[in-house]
Amino acid sequence: MPINHIVTPLDSAVLETKEQYKVYFKIVTHAFNQLVAHIPKKHICSELEVTFIKQYCELLTYSLEAFRVKYLYDDEEKMKIDLTESGFPNYLEFRYLINDLALKKEHIGRLPKVEELKADILESLLKKKEAPPRKKLQQAASVIYYTSVEQKYIFKRFVQGKIIERNSVFDTQYMVSWSFYDISLNRPFVCFMYFDLYKESLENYKEQIYEVLEKVADRNMSLDMMAYAIDKKLPNLWPQKLRKIDLGPLHNVFAKDELDITHALLKAIFEKTLDLSAYAMSFSIEEVESKGNFAEGGLFNKKYVQVWESMAPQKYVFTSHRAMQVLYDNVPETINGLTKEPIEIPALKL
């Protein structure tokens, strides 16, 4: 089926054909690559933050490539795109991927040997002059999937970054990053915390910091609530600044949300004003800073808790020049509400 004939009805969240998989994975991979390339050019994040965002995006694109191989020749299971304000795979897809790889020895044991598969496929191509049976192709894709994909590189619900000691980039003693895939919104977030330690060494306190972050900062919530929870659980850690970056939604032909940008793009694609590959990537930043502290508790269990001040949220959109024109023509109020005018990225060519 030609790419231009791909049908994606709004009430369907399932990728049905190889062509749809091909287009979807190209869109998402292109989006993450362009995001990482253009954030530093616009000075949206520091160089150090961009380095970590790039690493988390690499985990996401690696996982997407694993999905591509997994579903390439699978006639029974179809990958699901989330129905909420996302445009990304449903979180359960990541969960299934991890489960698959945990049992990969058992799965490989049920598949034909690689030499047998090669011989069967070559016989079909060279001797019979015909396409290999679909079952053989599916088995070959499964072998590649189970032997080449490594579980440690799959994006998990919570991904912990290492604590970085003070350098010229920031004023506090330490910085730590982490990322999570929020299961209610089904899209990835990246967080940064800049902090000092009080009467405590990093070596002794490090594991406790990692533990608390995974327990109280592993989902989307208001940033002052997240900051307060971290501050409360770690009395010897004095957070000075928290930044939460929302990577999405991804507005594209497969998105199923009710957002203005998504519907403006879908309308333009339907009317052939935009190519099927047109998309826009939303990107927003929330930030809170400590403006002092106050004492909680009694005389013998007094704790000092930070007083937080929220900064105005920053909202950006990354998209091609042609899609940008469509958005200005159709949803000018939404575009004018951004922190900066849409950031131009190269159009994706299929």
C-alpha atoms as a PDB file:
ATOM      1  CA  MET A   1       0.000   0.000   0.000  1.00  0.00           C
ATOM      2  CA  PRO A   2       1.504   3.400  -0.961  1.00  0.00           C
ATOM      3  CA  ILE A   3       2.401   5.722   1.911  1.00  0.00           C
ATOM      4  CA  ASN A   4      -0.062   8.368   0.706  1.00  0.00           C
ATOM      5  CA  HIS A   5      -2.923   5.893   1.146  1.00  0.00           C
ATOM      6  CA  ILE A   6      -2.321   5.299   4.835  1.00  0.00           C
ATOM      7  CA  VAL A   7      -5.580   5.656   6.751  1.00  0.00           C
ATOM      8  CA  THR A   8      -5.474   6.659  10.418  1.00  0.00           C
ATOM      9  CA  PRO A   9      -9.067   7.096  11.674  1.00  0.00           C
ATOM     10  CA  LEU A  10      -9.320   9.205  14.817  1.00  0.00           C
ATOM     11  CA  ASP A  11     -11.058   6.456  16.763  1.00  0.00           C
ATOM     12  CA  SER A  12      -8.200   4.020  16.195  1.00  0.00           C
ATOM     13  CA  ALA A  13      -5.002   4.005  18.212  1.00  0.00           C
ATOM     14  CA  VAL A  14      -3.423   0.967  16.583  1.00  0.00           C
ATOM     15  CA  LEU A  15      -0.715   0.871  13.919  1.00  0.00           C
ATOM     16  CA  GLU A  16      -1.958  -1.725  11.442  1.00  0.00           C
ATOM     17  CA  THR A  17       0.524  -1.920   8.551  1.00  0.00           C
ATOM     18  CA  LYS A  18       4.248  -1.898   7.830  1.00  0.00           C
ATOM     19  CA  GLU A  19       3.829   1.487   6.106  1.00  0.00           C
ATOM     20  CA  GLN A  20       2.283   2.984   9.208  1.00  0.00           C
ATOM     21  CA  TYR A  21       5.090   1.634  11.389  1.00  0.00           C
ATOM     22  CA  LYS A  22       7.683   3.010   8.990  1.00  0.00           C
ATOM     23  CA  VAL A  23       6.151   6.504   8.976  1.00  0.00           C
ATOM     24  CA  TYR A  24       5.519   6.604  12.727  1.00  0.00           C
ATOM     25  CA  PHE A  25       9.025   5.543  13.754  1.00  0.00           C
ATOM     26  CA  LYS A  26      10.602   7.998  11.304  1.00  0.00           C
ATOM     27  CA  ILE A  27       8.510  10.835  12.754  1.00  0.00           C
ATOM     28  CA  VAL A  28       9.354  10.095  16.396  1.00  0.00           C
ATOM     29  CA  THR A  29      13.055   9.486  15.773  1.00  0.00           C
ATOM     30  CA  HIS A  30      13.323  12.649  13.681  1.00  0.00           C
ATOM     31  CA  ALA A  31      11.502  14.632  16.396  1.00  0.00           C
ATOM     32  CA  PHE A  32      13.907  13.609  19.178  1.00  0.00           C
ATOM     33  CA  ASN A  33      16.987  14.143  17.007  1.00  0.00           C
ATOM     34  CA  GLN A  34      15.880  17.647  15.997  1.00  0.00           C
ATOM     35  CA  LEU A  35      14.883  18.510  19.548  1.00  0.00           C
ATOM     36  CA  VAL A  36      18.358  17.725  20.885  1.00  0.00           C
ATOM     37  CA  ALA A  37      20.005  19.549  17.978  1.00  0.00           C
ATOM     38  CA  HIS A  38      18.003  22.785  18.329  1.00  0.00           C
ATOM     39  CA  ILE A  39      17.614  23.243  22.122  1.00  0.00           C
ATOM     40  CA  PRO A  40      21.207  24.503  22.597  1.00  0.00           C
ATOM     41  CA  LYS A  41      20.957  26.795  19.556  1.00  0.00           C
ATOM     42  CA  LYS A  42      18.041  28.619  21.165  1.00  0.00           C
ATOM     43  CA  HIS A  43      19.651  28.624  24.650  1.00  0.00           C
ATOM     44  CA  ILE A  44      16.593  26.952  26.160  1.00  0.00           C
ATOM     45  CA  CYS A  45      18.668  24.695  28.427  1.00  0.00           C
ATOM     46  CA  SER A  46      22.268  24.731  29.596  1.00  0.00           C
ATOM     47  CA  GLU A  47      24.880  22.691  27.764  1.00  0.00           C
ATOM     48  CA  LEU A  48      25.024  20.213  30.645  1.00  0.00           C
ATOM     49  CA  GLU A  49      21.239  19.793  30.694  1.00  0.00           C
ATOM     50  CA  VAL A  50      21.234  19.203  26.932  1.00  0.00           C
ATOM     51  CA  THR A  51      23.798  16.424  27.415  1.00  0.00           C
ATOM     52  CA  PHE A  52      21.455  14.606  29.790  1.00  0.00           C
ATOM     53  CA  ILE A  53      18.349  15.270  27.675  1.00  0.00           C
ATOM     54  CA  LYS A  54      20.213  13.738  24.742  1.00  0.00           C
ATOM     55  CA  GLN A  55      21.027  10.608  26.765  1.00  0.00           C
ATOM     56  CA  TYR A  56      17.389  10.147  27.822  1.00  0.00           C
ATOM     57  CA  CYS A  57      16.217  10.715  24.235  1.00  0.00           C
ATOM     58  CA  GLU A  58      18.700   8.069  23.050  1.00  0.00           C
ATOM     59  CA  LEU A  59      17.092   5.566  25.436  1.00  0.00           C
ATOM     60  CA  LEU A  60      13.692   6.484  24.005  1.00  0.00           C
ATOM     61  CA  THR A  61      14.787   6.140  20.371  1.00  0.00           C
ATOM     62  CA  TYR A  62      16.515   2.834  21.176  1.00  0.00           C
ATOM     63  CA  SER A  63      13.246   1.574  22.672  1.00  0.00           C
ATOM     64  CA  LEU A  64      11.327   2.764  19.598  1.00  0.00           C
ATOM     65  CA  GLU A  65      13.701   0.881  17.322  1.00  0.00           C
ATOM     66  CA  ALA A  66      13.082  -2.223  19.447  1.00  0.00           C
ATOM     67  CA  PHE A  67       9.331  -1.705  18.946  1.00  0.00           C
ATOM     68  CA  ARG A  68       9.881  -1.389  15.196  1.00  0.00           C
ATOM     69  CA  VAL A  69      11.686  -4.722  15.001  1.00  0.00           C
ATOM     70  CA  LYS A  70       9.233  -6.398  17.388  1.00  0.00           C
ATOM     71  CA  TYR A  71       6.119  -5.486  15.403  1.00  0.00           C
ATOM     72  CA  LEU A  72       7.538  -5.491  11.880  1.00  0.00           C
ATOM     73  CA  TYR A  73       6.191  -8.915  10.879  1.00  0.00           C
ATOM     74  CA  ASP A  74       3.804  -9.624  13.754  1.00  0.00           C
ATOM     75  CA  ASP A  75       0.292 -10.164  12.381  1.00  0.00           C
ATOM     76  CA  GLU A  76      -1.289 -10.824  15.758  1.00  0.00           C
ATOM     77  CA  GLU A  77      -0.070  -7.986  18.005  1.00  0.00           C
ATOM     78  CA  LYS A  78      -0.251  -4.316  17.022  1.00  0.00           C
ATOM     79  CA  MET A  79       1.488  -1.408  18.701  1.00  0.00           C
ATOM     80  CA  LYS A  80      -0.823   1.117  20.344  1.00  0.00           C
ATOM     81  CA  ILE A  81      -0.423   4.880  20.242  1.00  0.00           C
ATOM     82  CA  ASP A  82      -1.794   6.615  23.299  1.00  0.00           C
ATOM     83  CA  LEU A  83      -5.215   8.273  23.144  1.00  0.00           C
ATOM     84  CA  THR A  84      -4.429  11.103  25.584  1.00  0.00           C
ATOM     85  CA  GLU A  85      -2.295  14.201  24.982  1.00  0.00           C
ATOM     86  CA  SER A  86       0.741  12.197  24.009  1.00  0.00           C
ATOM     87  CA  GLY A  87       1.414  10.990  20.453  1.00  0.00           C
ATOM     88  CA  PHE A  88       3.832   8.429  21.939  1.00  0.00           C
ATOM     89  CA  PRO A  89       3.430   4.673  22.521  1.00  0.00           C
ATOM     90  CA  ASN A  90       1.293   3.691  25.467  1.00  0.00           C
ATOM     91  CA  TYR A  91       3.461   3.053  28.550  1.00  0.00           C
ATOM     92  CA  LEU A  92       2.361  -0.595  28.599  1.00  0.00           C
ATOM     93  CA  GLU A  93       4.331  -1.088  25.374  1.00  0.00           C
ATOM     94  CA  PHE A  94       7.532  -0.340  27.313  1.00  0.00           C
ATOM     95  CA  ARG A  95       6.404  -2.690  30.077  1.00  0.00           C
ATOM     96  CA  TYR A  96       5.772  -5.504  27.571  1.00  0.00           C
ATOM     97  CA  LEU A  97       9.187  -4.887  26.022  1.00  0.00           C
ATOM     98  CA  ILE A  98      10.928  -5.320  29.381  1.00  0.00           C
ATOM     99  CA  ASN A  99       8.886  -8.462  30.113  1.00  0.00           C
ATOM    100  CA  ASP A 100       9.790  -9.926  26.710  1.00  0.00           C
ATOM    101  CA  LEU A 101      13.494  -9.373  27.234  1.00  0.00           C
ATOM    102  CA  ALA A 102      13.400 -10.809  30.740  1.00  0.00           C
ATOM    103  CA  LEU A 103      12.217 -14.077  29.164  1.00  0.00           C
ATOM    104  CA  LYS A 104      14.254 -13.875  25.981  1.00  0.00           C
ATOM    105  CA  LYS A 105      16.071 -17.205  26.514  1.00  0.00           C
ATOM    106  CA  GLU A 106      12.722 -19.011  26.573  1.00  0.00           C
ATOM    107  CA  HIS A 107      11.499 -17.137  23.483  1.00  0.00           C
ATOM    108  CA  ILE A 108      14.714 -17.834  21.550  1.00  0.00           C
ATOM    109  CA  GLY A 109      14.462 -21.512  22.498  1.00  0.00           C
ATOM    110  CA  ARG A 110      11.104 -21.747  20.702  1.00  0.00           C
ATOM    111  CA  LEU A 111      12.433 -20.208  17.470  1.00  0.00           C
ATOM    112  CA  PRO A 112      14.256 -22.049  14.631  1.00  0.00           C
ATOM    113  CA  LYS A 113      18.053 -21.884  14.548  1.00  0.00           C
ATOM    114  CA  VAL A 114      19.521 -18.911  12.653  1.00  0.00           C
ATOM    115  CA  GLU A 115      21.206 -21.207  10.085  1.00  0.00           C
ATOM    116  CA  GLU A 116      17.899 -22.950   9.339  1.00  0.00           C
ATOM    117  CA  LEU A 117      16.103 -19.640   8.840  1.00  0.00           C
ATOM    118  CA  LYS A 118      18.847 -18.339   6.545  1.00  0.00           C
ATOM    119  CA  ALA A 119      18.704 -21.500   4.472  1.00  0.00           C
ATOM    120  CA  ASP A 120      14.895 -21.386   4.145  1.00  0.00           C
ATOM    121  CA  ILE A 121      14.845 -17.698   3.186  1.00  0.00           C
ATOM    122  CA  LEU A 122      17.668 -18.113   0.639  1.00  0.00           C
ATOM    123  CA  GLU A 123      15.929 -21.122  -0.868  1.00  0.00           C
ATOM    124  CA  SER A 124      12.774 -19.069  -1.422  1.00  0.00           C
ATOM    125  CA  LEU A 125      14.700 -16.138  -2.907  1.00  0.00           C
ATOM    126  CA  LEU A 126      17.285 -17.962  -5.032  1.00  0.00           C
ATOM    127  CA  LYS A 127      15.737 -21.296  -5.938  1.00  0.00           C
ATOM    128  CA  LYS A 128      12.012 -20.660  -5.965  1.00  0.00           C
ATOM    129  CA  LYS A 129      12.381 -17.006  -7.061  1.00  0.00           C
ATOM    130  CA  GLU A 130       9.621 -15.925  -4.667  1.00  0.00           C
ATOM    131  CA  ALA A 131       9.245 -13.917  -1.499  1.00  0.00           C
ATOM    132  CA  PRO A 132       9.974 -15.901   1.686  1.00  0.00           C
ATOM    133  CA  PRO A 133       6.908 -17.056   3.638  1.00  0.00           C
ATOM    134  CA  ARG A 134       5.712 -14.368   6.030  1.00  0.00           C
ATOM    135  CA  LYS A 135       6.067 -16.783   8.932  1.00  0.00           C
ATOM    136  CA  LYS A 136       9.796 -17.120   8.196  1.00  0.00           C
ATOM    137  CA  LEU A 137      10.203 -13.346   8.033  1.00  0.00           C
ATOM    138  CA  GLN A 138       8.370 -12.994  11.342  1.00  0.00           C
ATOM    139  CA  GLN A 139      10.627 -15.616  12.919  1.00  0.00           C
ATOM    140  CA  ALA A 140      13.711 -13.845  11.539  1.00  0.00           C
ATOM    141  CA  ALA A 141      12.508 -10.509  12.961  1.00  0.00           C
ATOM    142  CA  SER A 142      11.913 -12.212  16.332  1.00  0.00           C
ATOM    143  CA  VAL A 143      15.445 -13.630  16.328  1.00  0.00           C
ATOM    144  CA  ILE A 144      16.850 -10.134  15.641  1.00  0.00           C
ATOM    145  CA  TYR A 145      14.601  -8.660  18.320  1.00  0.00           C
ATOM    146  CA  TYR A 146      15.564 -11.124  21.061  1.00  0.00           C
ATOM    147  CA  THR A 147      19.272 -11.290  20.224  1.00  0.00           C
ATOM    148  CA  SER A 148      20.051  -7.637  19.465  1.00  0.00           C
ATOM    149  CA  VAL A 149      17.898  -5.646  21.907  1.00  0.00           C
ATOM    150  CA  GLU A 150      19.443  -5.131  25.352  1.00  0.00           C
ATOM    151  CA  GLN A 151      17.147  -4.585  28.325  1.00  0.00           C
ATOM    152  CA  LYS A 152      19.508  -2.109  30.020  1.00  0.00           C
ATOM    153  CA  TYR A 153      18.990   0.383  27.173  1.00  0.00           C
ATOM    154  CA  ILE A 154      15.181   0.310  27.288  1.00  0.00           C
ATOM    155  CA  PHE A 155      13.505   3.445  28.642  1.00  0.00           C
ATOM    156  CA  LYS A 156      11.840   2.517  31.938  1.00  0.00           C
ATOM    157  CA  ARG A 157       9.123   4.205  33.958  1.00  0.00           C
ATOM    158  CA  PHE A 158      11.867   5.843  36.049  1.00  0.00           C
ATOM    159  CA  VAL A 159      15.447   6.411  34.872  1.00  0.00           C
ATOM    160  CA  GLN A 160      17.942   7.732  37.409  1.00  0.00           C
ATOM    161  CA  GLY A 161      20.850   9.941  36.364  1.00  0.00           C
ATOM    162  CA  LYS A 162      24.051  10.302  38.361  1.00  0.00           C
ATOM    163  CA  ILE A 163      24.781  13.134  40.782  1.00  0.00           C
ATOM    164  CA  ILE A 164      27.241  15.629  39.310  1.00  0.00           C
ATOM    165  CA  GLU A 165      29.508  17.630  41.622  1.00  0.00           C
ATOM    166  CA  ARG A 166      29.901  21.390  41.462  1.00  0.00           C
ATOM    167  CA  ASN A 167      31.440  22.925  38.352  1.00  0.00           C
ATOM    168  CA  SER A 168      31.301  26.287  36.602  1.00  0.00           C
ATOM    169  CA  VAL A 169      27.835  25.621  35.144  1.00  0.00           C
ATOM    170  CA  PHE A 170      25.835  26.025  38.353  1.00  0.00           C
ATOM    171  CA  ASP A 171      26.120  27.690  41.757  1.00  0.00           C
ATOM    172  CA  THR A 172      25.163  24.806  44.038  1.00  0.00           C
ATOM    173  CA  GLN A 173      27.324  21.936  45.254  1.00  0.00           C
ATOM    174  CA  TYR A 174      25.556  19.287  43.192  1.00  0.00           C
ATOM    175  CA  MET A 175      23.136  18.593  40.360  1.00  0.00           C
ATOM    176  CA  VAL A 176      21.158  15.414  39.687  1.00  0.00           C
ATOM    177  CA  SER A 177      18.889  14.491  36.791  1.00  0.00           C
ATOM    178  CA  TRP A 178      16.251  11.850  36.319  1.00  0.00           C
ATOM    179  CA  SER A 179      13.583  11.001  33.789  1.00  0.00           C
ATOM    180  CA  PHE A 180      10.224   9.257  33.946  1.00  0.00           C
ATOM    181  CA  TYR A 181       7.462   8.136  31.616  1.00  0.00           C
ATOM    182  CA  ASP A 182       4.272   9.375  33.206  1.00  0.00           C
ATOM    183  CA  ILE A 183       1.704   6.567  32.945  1.00  0.00           C
ATOM    184  CA  SER A 184      -1.312   8.871  33.081  1.00  0.00           C
ATOM    185  CA  LEU A 185      -0.118  11.196  30.305  1.00  0.00           C
ATOM    186  CA  ASN A 186       1.988   8.576  28.479  1.00  0.00           C
ATOM    187  CA  ARG A 187       4.841  10.862  27.629  1.00  0.00           C
ATOM    188  CA  PRO A 188       8.406  11.389  28.918  1.00  0.00           C
ATOM    189  CA  PHE A 189       9.643  14.048  31.345  1.00  0.00           C
ATOM    190  CA  VAL A 190      13.173  15.029  32.351  1.00  0.00           C
ATOM    191  CA  CYS A 191      13.944  16.674  35.717  1.00  0.00           C
ATOM    192  CA  PHE A 192      16.981  18.494  37.102  1.00  0.00           C
ATOM    193  CA  MET A 193      17.621  19.371  40.739  1.00  0.00           C
ATOM    194  CA  TYR A 194      20.397  21.721  41.891  1.00  0.00           C
ATOM    195  CA  PHE A 195      21.172  21.300  45.594  1.00  0.00           C
ATOM    196  CA  ASP A 196      23.580  21.610  48.520  1.00  0.00           C
ATOM    197  CA  LEU A 197      24.242  19.141  51.343  1.00  0.00           C
ATOM    198  CA  TYR A 198      24.193  20.158  55.008  1.00  0.00           C
ATOM    199  CA  LYS A 199      26.454  18.284  57.466  1.00  0.00           C
ATOM    200  CA  GLU A 200      26.423  15.209  55.201  1.00  0.00           C
ATOM    201  CA  SER A 201      28.822  13.695  52.682  1.00  0.00           C
ATOM    202  CA  LEU A 202      27.624  12.758  49.224  1.00  0.00           C
ATOM    203  CA  GLU A 203      29.024   9.246  49.571  1.00  0.00           C
ATOM    204  CA  ASN A 204      26.916   8.531  52.659  1.00  0.00           C
ATOM    205  CA  TYR A 205      23.786  10.264  51.390  1.00  0.00           C
ATOM    206  CA  LYS A 206      23.801   9.314  47.701  1.00  0.00           C
ATOM    207  CA  GLU A 207      21.749   6.099  47.855  1.00  0.00           C
ATOM    208  CA  GLN A 208      19.152   7.764  50.081  1.00  0.00           C
ATOM    209  CA  ILE A 209      18.806  10.586  47.532  1.00  0.00           C
ATOM    210  CA  TYR A 210      18.265   8.097  44.694  1.00  0.00           C
ATOM    211  CA  GLU A 211      15.703   6.190  46.783  1.00  0.00           C
ATOM    212  CA  VAL A 212      13.668   9.273  47.615  1.00  0.00           C
ATOM    213  CA  LEU A 213      13.668  10.578  44.042  1.00  0.00           C
ATOM    214  CA  GLU A 214      12.284   7.290  42.733  1.00  0.00           C
ATOM    215  CA  LYS A 215       9.571   7.248  45.412  1.00  0.00           C
ATOM    216  CA  VAL A 216       8.337  10.838  45.329  1.00  0.00           C
ATOM    217  CA  ALA A 217       9.445  12.285  41.960  1.00  0.00           C
ATOM    218  CA  ASP A 218       8.589   9.509  39.497  1.00  0.00           C
ATOM    219  CA  ARG A 219       5.410  11.018  38.010  1.00  0.00           C
ATOM    220  CA  ASN A 220       4.040  14.316  36.772  1.00  0.00           C
ATOM    221  CA  MET A 221       2.893  16.639  39.544  1.00  0.00           C
ATOM    222  CA  SER A 222       3.108  20.322  40.405  1.00  0.00           C
ATOM    223  CA  LEU A 223       6.752  21.218  40.802  1.00  0.00           C
ATOM    224  CA  ASP A 224       6.389  22.908  44.192  1.00  0.00           C
ATOM    225  CA  MET A 225       4.696  19.727  45.491  1.00  0.00           C
ATOM    226  CA  MET A 226       7.589  17.633  44.147  1.00  0.00           C
ATOM    227  CA  ALA A 227      10.141  20.021  45.652  1.00  0.00           C
ATOM    228  CA  TYR A 228       8.401  19.981  49.038  1.00  0.00           C
ATOM    229  CA  ALA A 229       8.235  16.151  49.071  1.00  0.00           C
ATOM    230  CA  ILE A 230      11.962  15.842  48.293  1.00  0.00           C
ATOM    231  CA  ASP A 231      12.859  18.514  50.847  1.00  0.00           C
ATOM    232  CA  LYS A 232      10.732  16.831  53.532  1.00  0.00           C
ATOM    233  CA  LYS A 233      12.216  13.355  52.983  1.00  0.00           C
ATOM    234  CA  LEU A 234      15.836  14.521  52.824  1.00  0.00           C
ATOM    235  CA  PRO A 235      16.486  16.914  55.731  1.00  0.00           C
ATOM    236  CA  ASN A 236      20.215  17.206  54.990  1.00  0.00           C
ATOM    237  CA  LEU A 237      19.656  18.023  51.338  1.00  0.00           C
ATOM    238  CA  TRP A 238      18.866  21.646  50.589  1.00  0.00           C
ATOM    239  CA  PRO A 239      17.400  21.892  47.079  1.00  0.00           C
ATOM    240  CA  GLN A 240      17.907  25.309  45.475  1.00  0.00           C
ATOM    241  CA  LYS A 241      16.325  24.852  42.055  1.00  0.00           C
ATOM    242  CA  LEU A 242      14.162  22.246  40.299  1.00  0.00           C
ATOM    243  CA  ARG A 243      13.429  22.127  36.573  1.00  0.00           C
ATOM    244  CA  LYS A 244      10.893  19.781  34.962  1.00  0.00           C
ATOM    245  CA  ILE A 245      10.920  19.397  31.183  1.00  0.00           C
ATOM    246  CA  ASP A 246       7.893  17.975  29.378  1.00  0.00           C
ATOM    247  CA  LEU A 247       8.918  16.252  26.121  1.00  0.00           C
ATOM    248  CA  GLY A 248       5.632  16.418  24.284  1.00  0.00           C
ATOM    249  CA  PRO A 249       2.935  16.062  23.209  1.00  0.00           C
ATOM    250  CA  LEU A 250       4.050  14.985  19.736  1.00  0.00           C
ATOM    251  CA  HIS A 251       1.461  16.322  17.278  1.00  0.00           C
ATOM    252  CA  ASN A 252       1.391  14.084  14.197  1.00  0.00           C
ATOM    253  CA  VAL A 253      -0.920  12.139  11.901  1.00  0.00           C
ATOM    254  CA  PHE A 254      -1.148   9.302  14.448  1.00  0.00           C
ATOM    255  CA  ALA A 255      -1.990  11.501  17.474  1.00  0.00           C
ATOM    256  CA  LYS A 256      -5.500  11.150  18.886  1.00  0.00           C
ATOM    257  CA  ASP A 257      -5.796  14.113  21.268  1.00  0.00           C
ATOM    258  CA  GLU A 258      -8.055  17.171  21.177  1.00  0.00           C
ATOM    259  CA  LEU A 259      -5.278  19.768  21.156  1.00  0.00           C
ATOM    260  CA  ASP A 260      -5.521  22.733  18.776  1.00  0.00           C
ATOM    261  CA  ILE A 261      -2.106  22.127  17.230  1.00  0.00           C
ATOM    262  CA  THR A 262      -2.839  18.452  16.551  1.00  0.00           C
ATOM    263  CA  HIS A 263      -6.154  19.185  14.850  1.00  0.00           C
ATOM    264  CA  ALA A 264      -4.728  22.030  12.768  1.00  0.00           C
ATOM    265  CA  LEU A 265      -2.042  19.652  11.450  1.00  0.00           C
ATOM    266  CA  LEU A 266      -4.503  16.787  10.877  1.00  0.00           C
ATOM    267  CA  LYS A 267      -6.827  19.093   8.923  1.00  0.00           C
ATOM    268  CA  ALA A 268      -3.933  20.329   6.755  1.00  0.00           C
ATOM    269  CA  ILE A 269      -2.723  16.758   6.124  1.00  0.00           C
ATOM    270  CA  PHE A 270      -6.248  15.676   5.174  1.00  0.00           C
ATOM    271  CA  GLU A 271      -6.532  18.626   2.765  1.00  0.00           C
ATOM    272  CA  LYS A 272      -3.066  17.801   1.295  1.00  0.00           C
ATOM    273  CA  THR A 273      -1.721  21.189   2.421  1.00  0.00           C
ATOM    274  CA  LEU A 274       0.888  19.307   4.470  1.00  0.00           C
ATOM    275  CA  ASP A 275       2.643  16.030   3.791  1.00  0.00           C
ATOM    276  CA  LEU A 276       1.825  12.960   5.836  1.00  0.00           C
ATOM    277  CA  SER A 277       5.177  13.339   7.601  1.00  0.00           C
ATOM    278  CA  ALA A 278       4.375  16.817   8.992  1.00  0.00           C
ATOM    279  CA  TYR A 279       4.494  17.085  12.771  1.00  0.00           C
ATOM    280  CA  ALA A 280       5.084  19.495  15.648  1.00  0.00           C
ATOM    281  CA  MET A 281       6.740  18.778  18.974  1.00  0.00           C
ATOM    282  CA  SER A 282       5.630  20.653  22.080  1.00  0.00           C
ATOM    283  CA  PHE A 283       8.289  21.261  24.726  1.00  0.00           C
ATOM    284  CA  SER A 284       7.678  22.987  28.044  1.00  0.00           C
ATOM    285  CA  ILE A 285       9.701  23.819  31.151  1.00  0.00           C
ATOM    286  CA  GLU A 286       8.547  24.432  34.704  1.00  0.00           C
ATOM    287  CA  GLU A 287      10.972  25.789  37.285  1.00  0.00           C
ATOM    288  CA  VAL A 288      10.953  26.590  40.988  1.00  0.00           C
ATOM    289  CA  GLU A 289      13.682  28.272  43.052  1.00  0.00           C
ATOM    290  CA  SER A 290      14.276  28.406  46.794  1.00  0.00           C
ATOM    291  CA  LYS A 291      13.860  31.852  48.321  1.00  0.00           C
ATOM    292  CA  GLY A 292      14.748  30.896  51.892  1.00  0.00           C
ATOM    293  CA  ASN A 293      13.463  28.403  54.465  1.00  0.00           C
ATOM    294  CA  PHE A 294      11.214  28.041  57.495  1.00  0.00           C
ATOM    295  CA  ALA A 295      11.301  25.745  60.540  1.00  0.00           C
ATOM    296  CA  GLU A 296       8.868  22.839  60.993  1.00  0.00           C
ATOM    297  CA  GLY A 297       8.359  20.658  64.078  1.00  0.00           C
ATOM    298  CA  GLY A 298       9.120  21.119  67.759  1.00  0.00           C
ATOM    299  CA  LEU A 299      12.250  21.973  69.669  1.00  0.00           C
ATOM    300  CA  PHE A 300      13.776  18.481  69.452  1.00  0.00           C
ATOM    301  CA  ASN A 301      12.678  17.518  65.922  1.00  0.00           C
ATOM    302  CA  LYS A 302      12.953  20.842  64.141  1.00  0.00           C
ATOM    303  CA  LYS A 303      13.412  20.687  60.369  1.00  0.00           C
ATOM    304  CA  TYR A 304      14.107  23.480  57.924  1.00  0.00           C
ATOM    305  CA  VAL A 305      11.971  23.422  54.767  1.00  0.00           C
ATOM    306  CA  GLN A 306      12.583  25.536  51.685  1.00  0.00           C
ATOM    307  CA  VAL A 307      10.221  28.314  50.589  1.00  0.00           C
ATOM    308  CA  TRP A 308       9.625  27.923  46.858  1.00  0.00           C
ATOM    309  CA  GLU A 309       8.904  30.487  44.190  1.00  0.00           C
ATOM    310  CA  SER A 310       7.554  29.332  40.828  1.00  0.00           C
ATOM    311  CA  MET A 311       8.866  30.839  37.606  1.00  0.00           C
ATOM    312  CA  ALA A 312       6.529  31.464  34.661  1.00  0.00           C
ATOM    313  CA  PRO A 313       6.245  28.229  32.611  1.00  0.00           C
ATOM    314  CA  GLN A 314       8.122  28.250  29.312  1.00  0.00           C
ATOM    315  CA  LYS A 315       6.322  26.790  26.281  1.00  0.00           C
ATOM    316  CA  TYR A 316       7.885  26.004  22.921  1.00  0.00           C
ATOM    317  CA  VAL A 317       6.923  24.259  19.697  1.00  0.00           C
ATOM    318  CA  PHE A 318       9.381  22.722  17.221  1.00  0.00           C
ATOM    319  CA  THR A 319       8.109  22.254  13.678  1.00  0.00           C
ATOM    320  CA  SER A 320       8.893  22.771   9.979  1.00  0.00           C
ATOM    321  CA  HIS A 321       8.439  26.109   8.196  1.00  0.00           C
ATOM    322  CA  ARG A 322       5.383  24.950   6.241  1.00  0.00           C
ATOM    323  CA  ALA A 323       3.674  23.506   9.326  1.00  0.00           C
ATOM    324  CA  MET A 324       4.484  26.742  11.154  1.00  0.00           C
ATOM    325  CA  GLN A 325       2.552  28.712   8.530  1.00  0.00           C
ATOM    326  CA  VAL A 326      -0.431  26.384   8.937  1.00  0.00           C
ATOM    327  CA  LEU A 327      -0.409  26.889  12.703  1.00  0.00           C
ATOM    328  CA  TYR A 328      -0.225  30.682  12.426  1.00  0.00           C
ATOM    329  CA  ASP A 329      -3.155  30.617   9.968  1.00  0.00           C
ATOM    330  CA  ASN A 330      -5.353  28.251  12.009  1.00  0.00           C
ATOM    331  CA  VAL A 331      -4.489  28.571  15.707  1.00  0.00           C
ATOM    332  CA  PRO A 332      -2.816  31.998  16.114  1.00  0.00           C
ATOM    333  CA  GLU A 333      -3.930  32.366  19.749  1.00  0.00           C
ATOM    334  CA  THR A 334      -2.169  29.134  20.713  1.00  0.00           C
ATOM    335  CA  ILE A 335       1.017  30.085  18.856  1.00  0.00           C
ATOM    336  CA  ASN A 336       1.062  33.630  20.249  1.00  0.00           C
ATOM    337  CA  GLY A 337       0.834  32.149  23.745  1.00  0.00           C
ATOM    338  CA  LEU A 338       4.230  30.439  23.370  1.00  0.00           C
ATOM    339  CA  THR A 339       7.342  31.765  25.111  1.00  0.00           C
ATOM    340  CA  LYS A 340       9.023  32.168  21.721  1.00  0.00           C
ATOM    341  CA  GLU A 341       7.753  31.921  18.180  1.00  0.00           C
ATOM    342  CA  PRO A 342       7.811  28.315  16.878  1.00  0.00           C
ATOM    343  CA  ILE A 343      11.329  26.997  16.418  1.00  0.00           C
ATOM    344  CA  GLU A 344      11.961  25.919  12.854  1.00  0.00           C
ATOM    345  CA  ILE A 345      13.394  22.458  12.210  1.00  0.00           C
ATOM    346  CA  PRO A 346      13.969  20.696   8.866  1.00  0.00           C
ATOM    347  CA  ALA A 347      10.917  18.990   7.378  1.00  0.00           C
ATOM    348  CA  LEU A 348      10.974  15.208   7.455  1.00  0.00           C
ATOM    349  CA  LYS A 349      11.151  13.562   4.023  1.00  0.00           C
ATOM    350  CA  LEU A 350       9.771  10.032   3.833  1.00  0.00           C
END
